[in-house]
């Protein structure tokens, strides 16, 4: 089980976008990669097709390793732990001890 999920707010802690915050758009569990909104933007050359009839150069967010992001809880980066509450496993912010929704 990964500690980062889709729609979480994260901070980039390594790489060219270090210090930026963004929302997780997708998580690839097999490759341990995440796509963060507005971060690690690359230019991609696309051929004309149904989705983009013109083709050309498009800016798109690329995946970054999950180890290079840190979850934000109440605007602060924090490590993530797990706890069982009411028979359910929930994520807990290590810094504050609060349950992460």
PDB file of N, CA and C in Angstrom:
ATOM      1  N   UNK A   1       0.845  -1.191   0.000  1.00  0.00           N
ATOM      2  CA  UNK A   1       0.000   0.000   0.000  1.00  0.00           C
ATOM      3  C   UNK A   1       0.885   1.247   0.000  1.00  0.00           C
ATOM      4  N   UNK A   2       0.610   2.157  -0.925  1.00  0.00           N
ATOM      5  CA  UNK A   2       1.389   3.380  -1.014  1.00  0.00           C
ATOM      6  C   UNK A   2       0.816   4.446  -0.084  1.00  0.00           C
ATOM      7  N   UNK A   3       1.667   5.371   0.317  1.00  0.00           N
ATOM      8  CA  UNK A   3       1.257   6.398   1.264  1.00  0.00           C
ATOM      9  C   UNK A   3       0.697   7.636   0.589  1.00  0.00           C
ATOM     10  N   UNK A   4       0.884   7.742  -0.732  1.00  0.00           N
ATOM     11  CA  UNK A   4       0.367   8.876  -1.510  1.00  0.00           C
ATOM     12  C   UNK A   4      -0.760   8.364  -2.399  1.00  0.00           C
ATOM     13  N   UNK A   5      -1.867   9.100  -2.428  1.00  0.00           N
ATOM     14  CA  UNK A   5      -3.018   8.710  -3.251  1.00  0.00           C
ATOM     15  C   UNK A   5      -3.398   9.848  -4.184  1.00  0.00           C
ATOM     16  N   UNK A   6      -4.231   9.545  -5.155  1.00  0.00           N
ATOM     17  CA  UNK A   6      -4.737  10.544  -6.092  1.00  0.00           C
ATOM     18  C   UNK A   6      -5.482  11.631  -5.325  1.00  0.00           C
ATOM     19  N   UNK A   7      -5.365  12.869  -5.787  1.00  0.00           N
ATOM     20  CA  UNK A   7      -5.995  14.065  -5.212  1.00  0.00           C
ATOM     21  C   UNK A   7      -5.361  14.532  -3.905  1.00  0.00           C
ATOM     22  N   UNK A   8      -4.258  13.921  -3.444  1.00  0.00           N
ATOM     23  CA  UNK A   8      -3.523  14.416  -2.285  1.00  0.00           C
ATOM     24  C   UNK A   8      -2.733  15.658  -2.692  1.00  0.00           C
ATOM     25  N   UNK A   9      -2.504  16.551  -1.742  1.00  0.00           N
ATOM     26  CA  UNK A   9      -1.609  17.680  -1.952  1.00  0.00           C
ATOM     27  C   UNK A   9      -0.217  17.258  -1.489  1.00  0.00           C
ATOM     28  N   UNK A  10       0.779  17.487  -2.363  1.00  0.00           N
ATOM     29  CA  UNK A  10       2.143  17.074  -2.039  1.00  0.00           C
ATOM     30  C   UNK A  10       3.120  18.210  -2.316  1.00  0.00           C
ATOM     31  N   UNK A  11       4.307  18.110  -1.726  1.00  0.00           N
ATOM     32  CA  UNK A  11       5.403  19.039  -1.995  1.00  0.00           C
ATOM     33  C   UNK A  11       6.541  18.247  -2.616  1.00  0.00           C
ATOM     34  N   UNK A  12       7.142  18.801  -3.676  1.00  0.00           N
ATOM     35  CA  UNK A  12       8.288  18.169  -4.315  1.00  0.00           C
ATOM     36  C   UNK A  12       9.505  18.433  -3.429  1.00  0.00           C
ATOM     37  N   UNK A  13      10.245  17.380  -3.074  1.00  0.00           N
ATOM     38  CA  UNK A  13      11.385  17.538  -2.173  1.00  0.00           C
ATOM     39  C   UNK A  13      12.724  17.318  -2.869  1.00  0.00           C
ATOM     40  N   UNK A  14      12.703  16.953  -4.159  1.00  0.00           N
ATOM     41  CA  UNK A  14      13.946  16.758  -4.896  1.00  0.00           C
ATOM     42  C   UNK A  14      13.698  16.977  -6.379  1.00  0.00           C
ATOM     43  N   UNK A  15      14.737  17.400  -7.090  1.00  0.00           N
ATOM     44  CA  UNK A  15      14.630  17.590  -8.527  1.00  0.00           C
ATOM     45  C   UNK A  15      14.488  19.047  -8.915  1.00  0.00           C
ATOM     46  N   UNK A  16      14.218  19.283 -10.201  1.00  0.00           N
ATOM     47  CA  UNK A  16      14.186  20.650 -10.725  1.00  0.00           C
ATOM     48  C   UNK A  16      13.027  21.475 -10.183  1.00  0.00           C
ATOM     49  N   UNK A  17      11.974  20.844  -9.710  1.00  0.00           N
ATOM     50  CA  UNK A  17      10.815  21.557  -9.166  1.00  0.00           C
ATOM     51  C   UNK A  17      10.766  21.516  -7.644  1.00  0.00           C
ATOM     52  N   UNK A  18      11.910  21.347  -7.001  1.00  0.00           N
ATOM     53  CA  UNK A  18      11.979  21.249  -5.540  1.00  0.00           C
ATOM     54  C   UNK A  18      11.317  22.461  -4.886  1.00  0.00           C
ATOM     55  N   UNK A  19      10.437  22.202  -3.901  1.00  0.00           N
ATOM     56  CA  UNK A  19       9.756  23.274  -3.186  1.00  0.00           C
ATOM     57  C   UNK A  19       8.371  23.588  -3.699  1.00  0.00           C
ATOM     58  N   UNK A  20       8.012  23.105  -4.888  1.00  0.00           N
ATOM     59  CA  UNK A  20       6.679  23.367  -5.443  1.00  0.00           C
ATOM     60  C   UNK A  20       5.643  22.453  -4.795  1.00  0.00           C
ATOM     61  N   UNK A  21       4.417  22.976  -4.681  1.00  0.00           N
ATOM     62  CA  UNK A  21       3.288  22.197  -4.181  1.00  0.00           C
ATOM     63  C   UNK A  21       2.335  21.920  -5.328  1.00  0.00           C
ATOM     64  N   UNK A  22       1.632  20.797  -5.261  1.00  0.00           N
ATOM     65  CA  UNK A  22       0.654  20.482  -6.290  1.00  0.00           C
ATOM     66  C   UNK A  22      -0.205  19.305  -5.911  1.00  0.00           C
ATOM     67  N   UNK A  23      -1.264  19.115  -6.697  1.00  0.00           N
ATOM     68  CA  UNK A  23      -2.199  18.017  -6.467  1.00  0.00           C
ATOM     69  C   UNK A  23      -1.772  16.810  -7.302  1.00  0.00           C
ATOM     70  N   UNK A  24      -1.888  15.628  -6.716  1.00  0.00           N
ATOM     71  CA  UNK A  24      -1.528  14.397  -7.423  1.00  0.00           C
ATOM     72  C   UNK A  24      -2.637  14.070  -8.421  1.00  0.00           C
ATOM     73  N   UNK A  25      -2.262  13.980  -9.701  1.00  0.00           N
ATOM     74  CA  UNK A  25      -3.225  13.671 -10.752  1.00  0.00           C
ATOM     75  C   UNK A  25      -3.379  12.174 -10.953  1.00  0.00           C
ATOM     76  N   UNK A  26      -2.271  11.429 -10.837  1.00  0.00           N
ATOM     77  CA  UNK A  26      -2.349   9.968 -10.978  1.00  0.00           C
ATOM     78  C   UNK A  26      -1.184   9.324 -10.255  1.00  0.00           C
ATOM     79  N   UNK A  27      -1.381   8.056  -9.884  1.00  0.00           N
ATOM     80  CA  UNK A  27      -0.365   7.269  -9.192  1.00  0.00           C
ATOM     81  C   UNK A  27      -0.175   5.963  -9.945  1.00  0.00           C
ATOM     82  N   UNK A  28       1.070   5.639 -10.282  1.00  0.00           N
ATOM     83  CA  UNK A  28       1.404   4.363 -10.922  1.00  0.00           C
ATOM     84  C   UNK A  28       2.029   3.471  -9.854  1.00  0.00           C
ATOM     85  N   UNK A  29       1.249   2.542  -9.317  1.00  0.00           N
ATOM     86  CA  UNK A  29       1.717   1.707  -8.215  1.00  0.00           C
ATOM     87  C   UNK A  29       2.799   0.728  -8.646  1.00  0.00           C
ATOM     88  N   UNK A  30       2.757   0.263  -9.884  1.00  0.00           N
ATOM     89  CA  UNK A  30       3.745  -0.707 -10.350  1.00  0.00           C
ATOM     90  C   UNK A  30       5.124  -0.077 -10.475  1.00  0.00           C
ATOM     91  N   UNK A  31       5.183   1.157 -10.963  1.00  0.00           N
ATOM     92  CA  UNK A  31       6.464   1.825 -11.188  1.00  0.00           C
ATOM     93  C   UNK A  31       6.840   2.792 -10.067  1.00  0.00           C
ATOM     94  N   UNK A  32       5.968   2.952  -9.051  1.00  0.00           N
ATOM     95  CA  UNK A  32       6.184   3.871  -7.927  1.00  0.00           C
ATOM     96  C   UNK A  32       6.425   5.299  -8.413  1.00  0.00           C
ATOM     97  N   UNK A  33       5.540   5.761  -9.302  1.00  0.00           N
ATOM     98  CA  UNK A  33       5.643   7.112  -9.860  1.00  0.00           C
ATOM     99  C   UNK A  33       4.323   7.844  -9.654  1.00  0.00           C
ATOM    100  N   UNK A  34       4.406   9.180  -9.578  1.00  0.00           N
ATOM    101  CA  UNK A  34       3.221  10.021  -9.473  1.00  0.00           C
ATOM    102  C   UNK A  34       3.316  11.156 -10.483  1.00  0.00           C
ATOM    103  N   UNK A  35       2.160  11.649 -10.910  1.00  0.00           N
ATOM    104  CA  UNK A  35       2.087  12.829 -11.770  1.00  0.00           C
ATOM    105  C   UNK A  35       1.473  13.938 -10.932  1.00  0.00           C
ATOM    106  N   UNK A  36       2.215  15.050 -10.792  1.00  0.00           N
ATOM    107  CA  UNK A  36       1.779  16.167  -9.958  1.00  0.00           C
ATOM    108  C   UNK A  36       1.431  17.351 -10.857  1.00  0.00           C
ATOM    109  N   UNK A  37       0.293  17.968 -10.572  1.00  0.00           N
ATOM    110  CA  UNK A  37      -0.217  19.080 -11.375  1.00  0.00           C
ATOM    111  C   UNK A  37       0.755  20.259 -11.360  1.00  0.00           C
ATOM    112  N   UNK A  38       1.175  20.697 -12.552  1.00  0.00           N
ATOM    113  CA  UNK A  38       2.046  21.851 -12.683  1.00  0.00           C
ATOM    114  C   UNK A  38       3.516  21.605 -12.386  1.00  0.00           C
ATOM    115  N   UNK A  39       3.902  20.374 -12.131  1.00  0.00           N
ATOM    116  CA  UNK A  39       5.291  20.060 -11.802  1.00  0.00           C
ATOM    117  C   UNK A  39       5.870  19.079 -12.811  1.00  0.00           C
ATOM    118  N   UNK A  40       7.175  19.178 -13.040  1.00  0.00           N
ATOM    119  CA  UNK A  40       7.903  18.329 -13.989  1.00  0.00           C
ATOM    120  C   UNK A  40       7.272  18.417 -15.378  1.00  0.00           C
ATOM    121  N   UNK A  41       7.030  19.639 -15.834  1.00  0.00           N
ATOM    122  CA  UNK A  41       6.416  19.871 -17.143  1.00  0.00           C
ATOM    123  C   UNK A  41       7.476  19.685 -18.229  1.00  0.00           C
ATOM    124  N   UNK A  42       7.165  18.860 -19.223  1.00  0.00           N
ATOM    125  CA  UNK A  42       8.070  18.591 -20.333  1.00  0.00           C
ATOM    126  C   UNK A  42       7.361  18.944 -21.642  1.00  0.00           C
ATOM    127  N   UNK A  43       8.148  19.220 -22.688  1.00  0.00           N
ATOM    128  CA  UNK A  43       7.567  19.461 -23.998  1.00  0.00           C
ATOM    129  C   UNK A  43       7.567  18.151 -24.766  1.00  0.00           C
ATOM    130  N   UNK A  44       6.447  17.878 -25.411  1.00  0.00           N
ATOM    131  CA  UNK A  44       6.265  16.613 -26.120  1.00  0.00           C
ATOM    132  C   UNK A  44       5.813  16.918 -27.548  1.00  0.00           C
ATOM    133  N   UNK A  45       6.436  16.292 -28.514  1.00  0.00           N
ATOM    134  CA  UNK A  45       6.047  16.463 -29.908  1.00  0.00           C
ATOM    135  C   UNK A  45       4.984  15.428 -30.237  1.00  0.00           C
ATOM    136  N   UNK A  46       3.818  15.887 -30.703  1.00  0.00           N
ATOM    137  CA  UNK A  46       2.711  14.978 -30.979  1.00  0.00           C
ATOM    138  C   UNK A  46       2.338  15.009 -32.452  1.00  0.00           C
ATOM    139  N   UNK A  47       1.957  13.849 -32.952  1.00  0.00           N
ATOM    140  CA  UNK A  47       1.458  13.753 -34.324  1.00  0.00           C
ATOM    141  C   UNK A  47      -0.005  14.159 -34.347  1.00  0.00           C
ATOM    142  N   UNK A  48      -0.496  14.603 -35.487  1.00  0.00           N
ATOM    143  CA  UNK A  48      -1.929  14.896 -35.582  1.00  0.00           C
ATOM    144  C   UNK A  48      -2.752  13.625 -35.363  1.00  0.00           C
ATOM    145  N   UNK A  49      -3.843  13.766 -34.627  1.00  0.00           N
ATOM    146  CA  UNK A  49      -4.723  12.631 -34.351  1.00  0.00           C
ATOM    147  C   UNK A  49      -6.104  13.134 -34.001  1.00  0.00           C
ATOM    148  N   UNK A  50      -6.948  12.239 -33.527  1.00  0.00           N
ATOM    149  CA  UNK A  50      -8.331  12.598 -33.210  1.00  0.00           C
ATOM    150  C   UNK A  50      -8.393  13.619 -32.077  1.00  0.00           C
ATOM    151  N   UNK A  51      -7.574  13.442 -31.041  1.00  0.00           N
ATOM    152  CA  UNK A  51      -7.597  14.349 -29.902  1.00  0.00           C
ATOM    153  C   UNK A  51      -6.944  15.690 -30.197  1.00  0.00           C
ATOM    154  N   UNK A  52      -5.941  15.689 -31.057  1.00  0.00           N
ATOM    155  CA  UNK A  52      -5.215  16.909 -31.402  1.00  0.00           C
ATOM    156  C   UNK A  52      -5.003  16.936 -32.916  1.00  0.00           C
ATOM    157  N   UNK A  53      -5.974  17.448 -33.678  1.00  0.00           N
ATOM    158  CA  UNK A  53      -5.896  17.380 -35.150  1.00  0.00           C
ATOM    159  C   UNK A  53      -4.730  18.177 -35.734  1.00  0.00           C
ATOM    160  N   UNK A  54      -4.256  19.202 -35.020  1.00  0.00           N
ATOM    161  CA  UNK A  54      -3.161  20.019 -35.521  1.00  0.00           C
ATOM    162  C   UNK A  54      -1.803  19.354 -35.295  1.00  0.00           C
ATOM    163  N   UNK A  55      -1.656  18.640 -34.169  1.00  0.00           N
ATOM    164  CA  UNK A  55      -0.347  18.102 -33.811  1.00  0.00           C
ATOM    165  C   UNK A  55       0.518  19.215 -33.262  1.00  0.00           C
ATOM    166  N   UNK A  56       1.829  18.994 -33.181  1.00  0.00           N
ATOM    167  CA  UNK A  56       2.750  20.042 -32.766  1.00  0.00           C
ATOM    168  C   UNK A  56       3.375  19.767 -31.414  1.00  0.00           C
ATOM    169  N   UNK A  57       3.846  20.841 -30.785  1.00  0.00           N
ATOM    170  CA  UNK A  57       4.547  20.734 -29.505  1.00  0.00           C
ATOM    171  C   UNK A  57       3.561  21.026 -28.378  1.00  0.00           C
ATOM    172  N   UNK A  58       3.489  20.103 -27.414  1.00  0.00           N
ATOM    173  CA  UNK A  58       2.549  20.203 -26.306  1.00  0.00           C
ATOM    174  C   UNK A  58       3.322  20.123 -24.992  1.00  0.00           C
ATOM    175  N   UNK A  59       2.944  20.935 -24.016  1.00  0.00           N
ATOM    176  CA  UNK A  59       3.539  20.846 -22.679  1.00  0.00           C
ATOM    177  C   UNK A  59       2.662  19.916 -21.835  1.00  0.00           C
ATOM    178  N   UNK A  60       3.293  18.934 -21.179  1.00  0.00           N
ATOM    179  CA  UNK A  60       2.553  17.945 -20.397  1.00  0.00           C
ATOM    180  C   UNK A  60       3.355  17.597 -19.141  1.00  0.00           C
ATOM    181  N   UNK A  61       2.638  17.264 -18.053  1.00  0.00           N
ATOM    182  CA  UNK A  61       3.308  16.867 -16.817  1.00  0.00           C
ATOM    183  C   UNK A  61       3.826  15.433 -16.952  1.00  0.00           C
ATOM    184  N   UNK A  62       5.081  15.228 -16.593  1.00  0.00           N
ATOM    185  CA  UNK A  62       5.682  13.895 -16.629  1.00  0.00           C
ATOM    186  C   UNK A  62       5.676  13.310 -15.221  1.00  0.00           C
ATOM    187  N   UNK A  63       5.803  11.999 -15.144  1.00  0.00           N
ATOM    188  CA  UNK A  63       5.801  11.308 -13.856  1.00  0.00           C
ATOM    189  C   UNK A  63       7.128  11.518 -13.132  1.00  0.00           C
ATOM    190  N   UNK A  64       7.056  11.589 -11.799  1.00  0.00           N
ATOM    191  CA  UNK A  64       8.259  11.635 -10.979  1.00  0.00           C
ATOM    192  C   UNK A  64       8.173  10.545  -9.928  1.00  0.00           C
ATOM    193  N   UNK A  65       9.319  10.149  -9.414  1.00  0.00           N
ATOM    194  CA  UNK A  65       9.341   9.059  -8.448  1.00  0.00           C
ATOM    195  C   UNK A  65       8.616   9.468  -7.167  1.00  0.00           C
ATOM    196  N   UNK A  66       7.916   8.509  -6.583  1.00  0.00           N
ATOM    197  CA  UNK A  66       7.107   8.786  -5.395  1.00  0.00           C
ATOM    198  C   UNK A  66       7.968   9.157  -4.195  1.00  0.00           C
ATOM    199  N   UNK A  67       9.246   8.773  -4.219  1.00  0.00           N
ATOM    200  CA  UNK A  67      10.151   9.112  -3.117  1.00  0.00           C
ATOM    201  C   UNK A  67      10.535  10.589  -3.139  1.00  0.00           C
ATOM    202  N   UNK A  68      10.269  11.280  -4.243  1.00  0.00           N
ATOM    203  CA  UNK A  68      10.622  12.693  -4.371  1.00  0.00           C
ATOM    204  C   UNK A  68       9.485  13.632  -4.000  1.00  0.00           C
ATOM    205  N   UNK A  69       8.389  13.092  -3.470  1.00  0.00           N
ATOM    206  CA  UNK A  69       7.283  13.930  -3.012  1.00  0.00           C
ATOM    207  C   UNK A  69       6.970  13.613  -1.556  1.00  0.00           C
ATOM    208  N   UNK A  70       6.414  14.623  -0.874  1.00  0.00           N
ATOM    209  CA  UNK A  70       6.050  14.461   0.527  1.00  0.00           C
ATOM    210  C   UNK A  70       4.639  14.991   0.725  1.00  0.00           C
ATOM    211  N   UNK A  71       3.822  14.253   1.424  1.00  0.00           N
ATOM    212  CA  UNK A  71       2.429  14.621   1.648  1.00  0.00           C
ATOM    213  C   UNK A  71       2.318  15.898   2.468  1.00  0.00           C
ATOM    214  N   UNK A  72       1.370  16.758   2.108  1.00  0.00           N
ATOM    215  CA  UNK A  72       1.091  17.965   2.871  1.00  0.00           C
ATOM    216  C   UNK A  72      -0.153  17.741   3.730  1.00  0.00           C
ATOM    217  N   UNK A  73      -0.004  17.964   5.026  1.00  0.00           N
ATOM    218  CA  UNK A  73      -1.136  17.898   5.952  1.00  0.00           C
ATOM    219  C   UNK A  73      -1.203  19.240   6.662  1.00  0.00           C
ATOM    220  N   UNK A  74      -2.295  19.962   6.508  1.00  0.00           N
ATOM    221  CA  UNK A  74      -2.463  21.314   7.051  1.00  0.00           C
ATOM    222  C   UNK A  74      -1.372  22.257   6.545  1.00  0.00           C
ATOM    223  N   UNK A  75      -0.964  22.081   5.279  1.00  0.00           N
ATOM    224  CA  UNK A  75       0.029  22.949   4.674  1.00  0.00           C
ATOM    225  C   UNK A  75       1.468  22.639   5.043  1.00  0.00           C
ATOM    226  N   UNK A  76       1.690  21.628   5.875  1.00  0.00           N
ATOM    227  CA  UNK A  76       3.032  21.254   6.296  1.00  0.00           C
ATOM    228  C   UNK A  76       3.398  19.881   5.753  1.00  0.00           C
ATOM    229  N   UNK A  77       4.622  19.712   5.225  1.00  0.00           N
ATOM    230  CA  UNK A  77       5.038  18.383   4.769  1.00  0.00           C
ATOM    231  C   UNK A  77       5.210  17.452   5.960  1.00  0.00           C
ATOM    232  N   UNK A  78       4.752  16.221   5.800  1.00  0.00           N
ATOM    233  CA  UNK A  78       4.800  15.274   6.902  1.00  0.00           C
ATOM    234  C   UNK A  78       5.004  13.857   6.391  1.00  0.00           C
ATOM    235  N   UNK A  79       5.586  13.031   7.235  1.00  0.00           N
ATOM    236  CA  UNK A  79       5.666  11.613   6.936  1.00  0.00           C
ATOM    237  C   UNK A  79       4.292  11.006   7.198  1.00  0.00           C
ATOM    238  N   UNK A  80       4.055   9.816   6.657  1.00  0.00           N
ATOM    239  CA  UNK A  80       2.746   9.170   6.781  1.00  0.00           C
ATOM    240  C   UNK A  80       2.902   7.856   7.530  1.00  0.00           C
ATOM    241  N   UNK A  81       2.022   7.653   8.505  1.00  0.00           N
ATOM    242  CA  UNK A  81       1.971   6.392   9.222  1.00  0.00           C
ATOM    243  C   UNK A  81       0.584   5.800   9.067  1.00  0.00           C
ATOM    244  N   UNK A  82       0.408   4.614   9.606  1.00  0.00           N
ATOM    245  CA  UNK A  82      -0.885   3.947   9.536  1.00  0.00           C
ATOM    246  C   UNK A  82      -1.344   3.566  10.927  1.00  0.00           C
ATOM    247  N   UNK A  83      -2.673   3.581  11.112  1.00  0.00           N
ATOM    248  CA  UNK A  83      -3.271   3.226  12.386  1.00  0.00           C
ATOM    249  C   UNK A  83      -4.606   2.552  12.099  1.00  0.00           C
ATOM    250  N   UNK A  84      -5.006   1.640  12.960  1.00  0.00           N
ATOM    251  CA  UNK A  84      -6.313   0.996  12.807  1.00  0.00           C
ATOM    252  C   UNK A  84      -7.297   1.694  13.735  1.00  0.00           C
ATOM    253  N   UNK A  85      -8.355   2.272  13.138  1.00  0.00           N
ATOM    254  CA  UNK A  85      -9.411   2.932  13.909  1.00  0.00           C
ATOM    255  C   UNK A  85     -10.752   2.351  13.493  1.00  0.00           C
ATOM    256  N   UNK A  86     -11.506   1.879  14.436  1.00  0.00           N
ATOM    257  CA  UNK A  86     -12.826   1.294  14.187  1.00  0.00           C
ATOM    258  C   UNK A  86     -12.743   0.161  13.169  1.00  0.00           C
ATOM    259  N   UNK A  87     -11.693  -0.626  13.237  1.00  0.00           N
ATOM    260  CA  UNK A  87     -11.530  -1.759  12.334  1.00  0.00           C
ATOM    261  C   UNK A  87     -11.085  -1.397  10.936  1.00  0.00           C
ATOM    262  N   UNK A  88     -10.753  -0.123  10.686  1.00  0.00           N
ATOM    263  CA  UNK A  88     -10.291   0.321   9.368  1.00  0.00           C
ATOM    264  C   UNK A  88      -8.878   0.861   9.484  1.00  0.00           C
ATOM    265  N   UNK A  89      -8.053   0.571   8.466  1.00  0.00           N
ATOM    266  CA  UNK A  89      -6.692   1.083   8.414  1.00  0.00           C
ATOM    267  C   UNK A  89      -6.738   2.486   7.819  1.00  0.00           C
ATOM    268  N   UNK A  90      -6.221   3.475   8.554  1.00  0.00           N
ATOM    269  CA  UNK A  90      -6.247   4.857   8.096  1.00  0.00           C
ATOM    270  C   UNK A  90      -4.840   5.438   8.084  1.00  0.00           C
ATOM    271  N   UNK A  91      -4.634   6.443   7.217  1.00  0.00           N
ATOM    272  CA  UNK A  91      -3.354   7.143   7.171  1.00  0.00           C
ATOM    273  C   UNK A  91      -3.326   8.227   8.242  1.00  0.00           C
ATOM    274  N   UNK A  92      -2.173   8.383   8.878  1.00  0.00           N
ATOM    275  CA  UNK A  92      -2.003   9.351   9.957  1.00  0.00           C
ATOM    276  C   UNK A  92      -0.779  10.212   9.669  1.00  0.00           C
ATOM    277  N   UNK A  93      -0.906  11.524   9.856  1.00  0.00           N
ATOM    278  CA  UNK A  93       0.235  12.433   9.707  1.00  0.00           C
ATOM    279  C   UNK A  93       1.127  12.293  10.931  1.00  0.00           C
ATOM    280  N   UNK A  94       2.399  11.968  10.700  1.00  0.00           N
ATOM    281  CA  UNK A  94       3.338  11.756  11.809  1.00  0.00           C
ATOM    282  C   UNK A  94       3.591  13.051  12.575  1.00  0.00           C
ATOM    283  N   UNK A  95       3.589  14.193  11.891  1.00  0.00           N
ATOM    284  CA  UNK A  95       3.915  15.479  12.523  1.00  0.00           C
ATOM    285  C   UNK A  95       2.825  15.915  13.500  1.00  0.00           C
ATOM    286  N   UNK A  96       1.554  15.736  13.102  1.00  0.00           N
ATOM    287  CA  UNK A  96       0.451  16.222  13.943  1.00  0.00           C
ATOM    288  C   UNK A  96      -0.331  15.120  14.630  1.00  0.00           C
ATOM    289  N   UNK A  97      -0.253  13.901  14.105  1.00  0.00           N
ATOM    290  CA  UNK A  97      -1.015  12.794  14.667  1.00  0.00           C
ATOM    291  C   UNK A  97      -2.459  12.743  14.177  1.00  0.00           C
ATOM    292  N   UNK A  98      -2.832  13.658  13.271  1.00  0.00           N
ATOM    293  CA  UNK A  98      -4.203  13.696  12.754  1.00  0.00           C
ATOM    294  C   UNK A  98      -4.404  12.658  11.651  1.00  0.00           C
ATOM    295  N   UNK A  99      -5.635  12.193  11.529  1.00  0.00           N
ATOM    296  CA  UNK A  99      -5.993  11.252  10.462  1.00  0.00           C
ATOM    297  C   UNK A  99      -6.104  12.015   9.159  1.00  0.00           C
ATOM    298  N   UNK A 100      -5.525  11.454   8.097  1.00  0.00           N
ATOM    299  CA  UNK A 100      -5.572  12.065   6.773  1.00  0.00           C
ATOM    300  C   UNK A 100      -6.784  11.523   6.036  1.00  0.00           C
ATOM    301  N   UNK A 101      -7.628  12.421   5.540  1.00  0.00           N
ATOM    302  CA  UNK A 101      -8.862  12.016   4.865  1.00  0.00           C
ATOM    303  C   UNK A 101      -8.568  11.310   3.561  1.00  0.00           C
TER     304      UNK A 101
END
